[in-house]
């Protein structure tokens, strides 16, 4: 039982390039992430004013990112294997799929 609990607490692997779009828009988003344990750094592009470097943390299947220029943190995004989904700042729902590791 302890082994399954420990496994559930390990951070999901989010290394790589993720592409997708918001539910409302046709714009292609690209999120490139590098993970070191629970810490994540990367860059978001295709989001207009939200483009730029990001950093954050991942716990289990939940990733939280913040913009490196001090803007607010995104609400929790959910990692499901090769898919990240959730809400970006401004209330835009997003779905991203990993395209490379």
N, C-alpha and C. Protein backbone atom coordinates (compact mmCIF):
# COMPACT_ATOMS: atom_id res chain seq x y z
N UNK A 1 0.82 -1.19 0.00
CA UNK A 1 0.00 0.00 0.00
C UNK A 1 0.86 1.25 0.00
N UNK A 2 1.94 1.28 0.77
CA UNK A 2 2.81 2.45 0.78
C UNK A 2 3.44 2.69 -0.57
N UNK A 3 3.79 1.65 -1.30
CA UNK A 3 4.39 1.82 -2.62
C UNK A 3 3.42 2.51 -3.57
N UNK A 4 2.15 2.16 -3.55
CA UNK A 4 1.20 2.81 -4.44
C UNK A 4 0.96 4.26 -4.03
N UNK A 5 0.99 4.56 -2.74
CA UNK A 5 0.85 5.94 -2.28
C UNK A 5 2.04 6.78 -2.74
N UNK A 6 3.26 6.26 -2.61
CA UNK A 6 4.45 6.98 -3.04
C UNK A 6 4.42 7.23 -4.54
N UNK A 7 3.96 6.25 -5.32
CA UNK A 7 3.86 6.41 -6.76
C UNK A 7 2.86 7.48 -7.14
N UNK A 8 1.78 7.58 -6.40
CA UNK A 8 0.77 8.58 -6.70
C UNK A 8 1.29 9.98 -6.45
N UNK A 9 2.27 10.13 -5.57
CA UNK A 9 2.80 11.44 -5.23
C UNK A 9 3.96 11.87 -6.14
N UNK A 10 4.51 10.96 -6.93
CA UNK A 10 5.59 11.31 -7.84
C UNK A 10 5.06 12.24 -8.92
N UNK A 11 5.85 13.27 -9.29
CA UNK A 11 5.37 14.17 -10.32
C UNK A 11 5.31 13.51 -11.69
N UNK A 12 4.29 13.85 -12.46
CA UNK A 12 4.18 13.36 -13.82
C UNK A 12 5.33 13.92 -14.65
N UNK A 13 5.70 13.25 -15.71
CA UNK A 13 6.75 13.71 -16.61
C UNK A 13 6.14 14.69 -17.61
N UNK A 14 6.60 15.95 -17.57
CA UNK A 14 6.09 16.96 -18.50
C UNK A 14 7.17 17.50 -19.43
N UNK A 15 8.35 16.86 -19.44
CA UNK A 15 9.41 17.29 -20.35
C UNK A 15 8.94 17.23 -21.79
N UNK A 16 9.33 18.22 -22.58
CA UNK A 16 9.06 18.17 -24.00
C UNK A 16 8.30 19.35 -24.54
N UNK A 17 7.86 19.19 -25.77
CA UNK A 17 7.11 20.22 -26.48
C UNK A 17 5.65 19.81 -26.53
N UNK A 18 4.78 20.72 -26.12
CA UNK A 18 3.34 20.49 -26.08
C UNK A 18 2.68 21.50 -27.01
N UNK A 19 1.76 21.05 -27.85
CA UNK A 19 1.04 21.96 -28.73
C UNK A 19 -0.46 21.74 -28.57
N UNK A 20 -1.21 22.78 -28.85
CA UNK A 20 -2.66 22.70 -28.74
C UNK A 20 -3.27 24.06 -28.94
N UNK A 21 -4.46 24.24 -28.40
CA UNK A 21 -5.16 25.50 -28.55
C UNK A 21 -6.14 25.68 -27.41
N UNK A 22 -6.65 26.90 -27.32
CA UNK A 22 -7.70 27.14 -26.36
C UNK A 22 -9.02 26.68 -26.98
N UNK A 23 -10.00 26.44 -26.15
CA UNK A 23 -11.30 25.99 -26.63
C UNK A 23 -11.94 27.06 -27.53
N UNK A 24 -11.72 28.33 -27.20
CA UNK A 24 -12.34 29.44 -27.94
C UNK A 24 -11.60 29.83 -29.21
N UNK A 25 -10.31 29.53 -29.30
CA UNK A 25 -9.53 30.07 -30.40
C UNK A 25 -8.93 29.03 -31.30
N UNK A 26 -8.56 29.51 -32.50
CA UNK A 26 -7.91 28.64 -33.47
C UNK A 26 -6.40 28.79 -33.41
N UNK A 27 -5.89 29.65 -32.53
CA UNK A 27 -4.47 29.88 -32.41
C UNK A 27 -3.78 28.64 -31.89
N UNK A 28 -2.65 28.30 -32.48
CA UNK A 28 -1.86 27.17 -32.00
C UNK A 28 -0.92 27.65 -30.90
N UNK A 29 -1.01 27.02 -29.75
CA UNK A 29 -0.13 27.30 -28.63
C UNK A 29 0.99 26.29 -28.62
N UNK A 30 2.19 26.73 -28.24
CA UNK A 30 3.33 25.85 -28.09
C UNK A 30 3.92 26.10 -26.70
N UNK A 31 4.03 25.05 -25.91
CA UNK A 31 4.59 25.12 -24.57
C UNK A 31 5.75 24.15 -24.53
N UNK A 32 6.96 24.68 -24.33
CA UNK A 32 8.16 23.84 -24.24
C UNK A 32 8.56 23.81 -22.78
N UNK A 33 8.62 22.62 -22.19
CA UNK A 33 8.90 22.46 -20.77
C UNK A 33 10.13 21.61 -20.52
N UNK A 34 10.90 22.00 -19.51
CA UNK A 34 12.02 21.21 -19.02
C UNK A 34 11.76 20.99 -17.53
N UNK A 35 11.83 19.75 -17.10
CA UNK A 35 11.49 19.38 -15.73
C UNK A 35 12.72 18.87 -15.00
N UNK A 36 12.86 19.31 -13.75
CA UNK A 36 13.90 18.80 -12.85
C UNK A 36 13.20 18.45 -11.55
N UNK A 37 12.79 17.18 -11.41
CA UNK A 37 11.99 16.78 -10.24
C UNK A 37 10.66 17.50 -10.27
N UNK A 38 10.31 18.20 -9.19
CA UNK A 38 9.03 18.91 -9.16
C UNK A 38 9.09 20.31 -9.77
N UNK A 39 10.29 20.76 -10.20
CA UNK A 39 10.43 22.10 -10.77
C UNK A 39 10.36 22.05 -12.28
N UNK A 40 9.69 23.06 -12.86
CA UNK A 40 9.48 23.12 -14.29
C UNK A 40 9.85 24.52 -14.79
N UNK A 41 10.55 24.59 -15.92
CA UNK A 41 10.81 25.86 -16.59
C UNK A 41 10.46 25.68 -18.06
N UNK A 42 10.19 26.79 -18.74
CA UNK A 42 9.87 26.67 -20.15
C UNK A 42 9.47 27.97 -20.78
N UNK A 43 8.81 27.86 -21.92
CA UNK A 43 8.38 29.02 -22.68
C UNK A 43 7.06 28.72 -23.36
N UNK A 44 6.14 29.69 -23.29
CA UNK A 44 4.84 29.61 -23.95
C UNK A 44 4.85 30.56 -25.13
N UNK A 45 4.40 30.08 -26.29
CA UNK A 45 4.27 30.95 -27.46
C UNK A 45 2.94 30.67 -28.14
N UNK A 46 2.48 31.67 -28.88
CA UNK A 46 1.20 31.55 -29.58
C UNK A 46 0.03 32.07 -28.78
N UNK A 47 0.30 32.58 -27.58
CA UNK A 47 -0.78 33.04 -26.69
C UNK A 47 -0.90 34.57 -26.69
N UNK A 48 -0.24 35.24 -27.62
CA UNK A 48 -0.33 36.70 -27.69
C UNK A 48 0.34 37.36 -26.51
N UNK A 49 -0.42 38.11 -25.74
CA UNK A 49 0.15 38.84 -24.61
C UNK A 49 0.65 37.92 -23.51
N UNK A 50 0.27 36.65 -23.53
CA UNK A 50 0.73 35.70 -22.51
C UNK A 50 1.98 34.94 -22.94
N UNK A 51 2.56 35.28 -24.10
CA UNK A 51 3.80 34.63 -24.55
C UNK A 51 4.94 34.96 -23.61
N UNK A 52 5.85 34.02 -23.44
CA UNK A 52 7.06 34.31 -22.68
C UNK A 52 7.49 33.16 -21.81
N UNK A 53 8.58 33.40 -21.05
CA UNK A 53 9.11 32.36 -20.18
C UNK A 53 8.18 32.07 -19.01
N UNK A 54 8.12 30.81 -18.62
CA UNK A 54 7.30 30.37 -17.49
C UNK A 54 8.13 29.46 -16.60
N UNK A 55 7.72 29.36 -15.37
CA UNK A 55 8.32 28.39 -14.44
C UNK A 55 7.22 27.95 -13.50
N UNK A 56 7.47 26.86 -12.81
CA UNK A 56 6.43 26.38 -11.91
C UNK A 56 6.81 25.10 -11.23
N UNK A 57 5.77 24.44 -10.72
CA UNK A 57 5.96 23.19 -10.00
C UNK A 57 4.93 22.17 -10.46
N UNK A 58 5.30 20.91 -10.28
CA UNK A 58 4.36 19.83 -10.57
C UNK A 58 4.32 18.90 -9.37
N UNK A 59 3.11 18.55 -8.98
CA UNK A 59 2.89 17.63 -7.87
C UNK A 59 1.87 16.61 -8.34
N UNK A 60 2.28 15.35 -8.37
CA UNK A 60 1.37 14.33 -8.89
C UNK A 60 1.07 14.64 -10.34
N UNK A 61 -0.20 14.81 -10.68
CA UNK A 61 -0.63 15.13 -12.04
C UNK A 61 -1.07 16.58 -12.18
N UNK A 62 -0.68 17.42 -11.24
CA UNK A 62 -1.09 18.82 -11.27
C UNK A 62 0.12 19.72 -11.48
N UNK A 63 0.04 20.56 -12.51
CA UNK A 63 1.12 21.50 -12.79
C UNK A 63 0.58 22.92 -12.63
N UNK A 64 1.39 23.76 -11.98
CA UNK A 64 1.06 25.18 -11.83
C UNK A 64 2.21 25.98 -12.40
N UNK A 65 1.90 26.86 -13.33
CA UNK A 65 2.91 27.67 -13.98
C UNK A 65 2.70 29.14 -13.64
N UNK A 66 3.79 29.89 -13.65
CA UNK A 66 3.69 31.34 -13.49
C UNK A 66 4.61 31.97 -14.54
N UNK A 67 4.25 33.16 -14.93
CA UNK A 67 5.08 33.89 -15.89
C UNK A 67 6.28 34.46 -15.16
N UNK A 68 7.44 34.40 -15.77
CA UNK A 68 8.67 34.83 -15.12
C UNK A 68 8.75 36.34 -14.93
N UNK A 69 7.86 37.10 -15.57
CA UNK A 69 7.88 38.56 -15.39
C UNK A 69 7.03 38.99 -14.19
N UNK A 70 6.59 38.02 -13.38
CA UNK A 70 5.86 38.35 -12.16
C UNK A 70 4.35 38.32 -12.28
N UNK A 71 3.83 38.08 -13.48
CA UNK A 71 2.37 37.98 -13.62
C UNK A 71 1.85 36.79 -12.85
N UNK A 72 0.57 36.76 -12.68
CA UNK A 72 -0.08 35.74 -11.85
C UNK A 72 0.19 34.31 -12.31
N UNK A 73 0.01 33.41 -11.40
CA UNK A 73 0.14 31.99 -11.66
C UNK A 73 -1.12 31.47 -12.33
N UNK A 74 -0.95 30.50 -13.23
CA UNK A 74 -2.11 29.88 -13.85
C UNK A 74 -2.84 29.04 -12.80
N UNK A 75 -4.11 28.87 -12.98
CA UNK A 75 -4.79 27.86 -12.16
C UNK A 75 -4.15 26.50 -12.44
N UNK A 76 -4.47 25.53 -11.65
CA UNK A 76 -3.90 24.19 -11.83
C UNK A 76 -4.25 23.62 -13.20
N UNK A 77 -3.25 23.05 -13.84
CA UNK A 77 -3.45 22.32 -15.09
C UNK A 77 -3.28 20.84 -14.78
N UNK A 78 -4.05 20.00 -15.44
CA UNK A 78 -4.05 18.57 -15.16
C UNK A 78 -3.28 17.83 -16.25
N UNK A 79 -2.33 17.00 -15.84
CA UNK A 79 -1.53 16.20 -16.76
C UNK A 79 -2.13 14.80 -16.81
N UNK A 80 -2.48 14.37 -18.02
CA UNK A 80 -3.03 13.03 -18.23
C UNK A 80 -2.21 12.36 -19.33
N UNK A 81 -1.10 11.73 -18.96
CA UNK A 81 -0.24 11.07 -19.94
C UNK A 81 0.36 12.06 -20.91
N UNK A 82 -0.07 12.02 -22.15
CA UNK A 82 0.46 12.89 -23.20
C UNK A 82 -0.44 14.11 -23.43
N UNK A 83 -1.21 14.49 -22.42
CA UNK A 83 -2.17 15.59 -22.55
C UNK A 83 -2.13 16.47 -21.30
N UNK A 84 -2.17 17.78 -21.50
CA UNK A 84 -2.32 18.75 -20.42
C UNK A 84 -3.58 19.54 -20.71
N UNK A 85 -4.44 19.69 -19.70
CA UNK A 85 -5.66 20.47 -19.90
C UNK A 85 -5.95 21.30 -18.67
N UNK A 86 -6.65 22.38 -18.87
CA UNK A 86 -7.00 23.25 -17.76
C UNK A 86 -7.35 24.64 -18.26
N UNK A 87 -7.11 25.64 -17.43
CA UNK A 87 -7.48 27.02 -17.74
C UNK A 87 -6.27 27.92 -17.60
N UNK A 88 -6.00 28.71 -18.64
CA UNK A 88 -4.94 29.70 -18.59
C UNK A 88 -5.50 30.99 -18.00
N UNK A 89 -4.62 31.97 -17.77
CA UNK A 89 -5.09 33.26 -17.27
C UNK A 89 -6.11 33.83 -18.26
N UNK A 90 -7.07 34.56 -17.76
CA UNK A 90 -8.12 35.10 -18.61
C UNK A 90 -9.27 34.14 -18.83
N UNK A 91 -9.21 32.97 -18.22
CA UNK A 91 -10.31 32.02 -18.32
C UNK A 91 -10.33 31.18 -19.57
N UNK A 92 -9.26 31.19 -20.36
CA UNK A 92 -9.22 30.39 -21.58
C UNK A 92 -8.91 28.93 -21.27
N UNK A 93 -9.85 28.06 -21.60
CA UNK A 93 -9.61 26.63 -21.44
C UNK A 93 -8.61 26.18 -22.50
N UNK A 94 -7.67 25.33 -22.11
CA UNK A 94 -6.63 24.90 -23.02
C UNK A 94 -6.48 23.39 -22.99
N UNK A 95 -6.17 22.82 -24.15
CA UNK A 95 -5.83 21.40 -24.27
C UNK A 95 -4.55 21.32 -25.09
N UNK A 96 -3.53 20.69 -24.50
CA UNK A 96 -2.23 20.54 -25.15
C UNK A 96 -1.88 19.06 -25.23
N UNK A 97 -1.21 18.67 -26.31
CA UNK A 97 -0.74 17.31 -26.51
C UNK A 97 0.77 17.35 -26.70
N UNK A 98 1.48 16.38 -26.09
CA UNK A 98 2.93 16.34 -26.25
C UNK A 98 3.26 15.90 -27.67
N UNK A 99 4.12 16.69 -28.34
CA UNK A 99 4.53 16.35 -29.70
C UNK A 99 5.94 15.82 -29.75
N UNK A 100 6.75 16.09 -28.71
CA UNK A 100 8.09 15.51 -28.63
C UNK A 100 8.60 15.58 -27.21
N UNK A 101 9.54 14.70 -26.89
CA UNK A 101 10.17 14.70 -25.55
C UNK A 101 11.56 15.25 -25.64
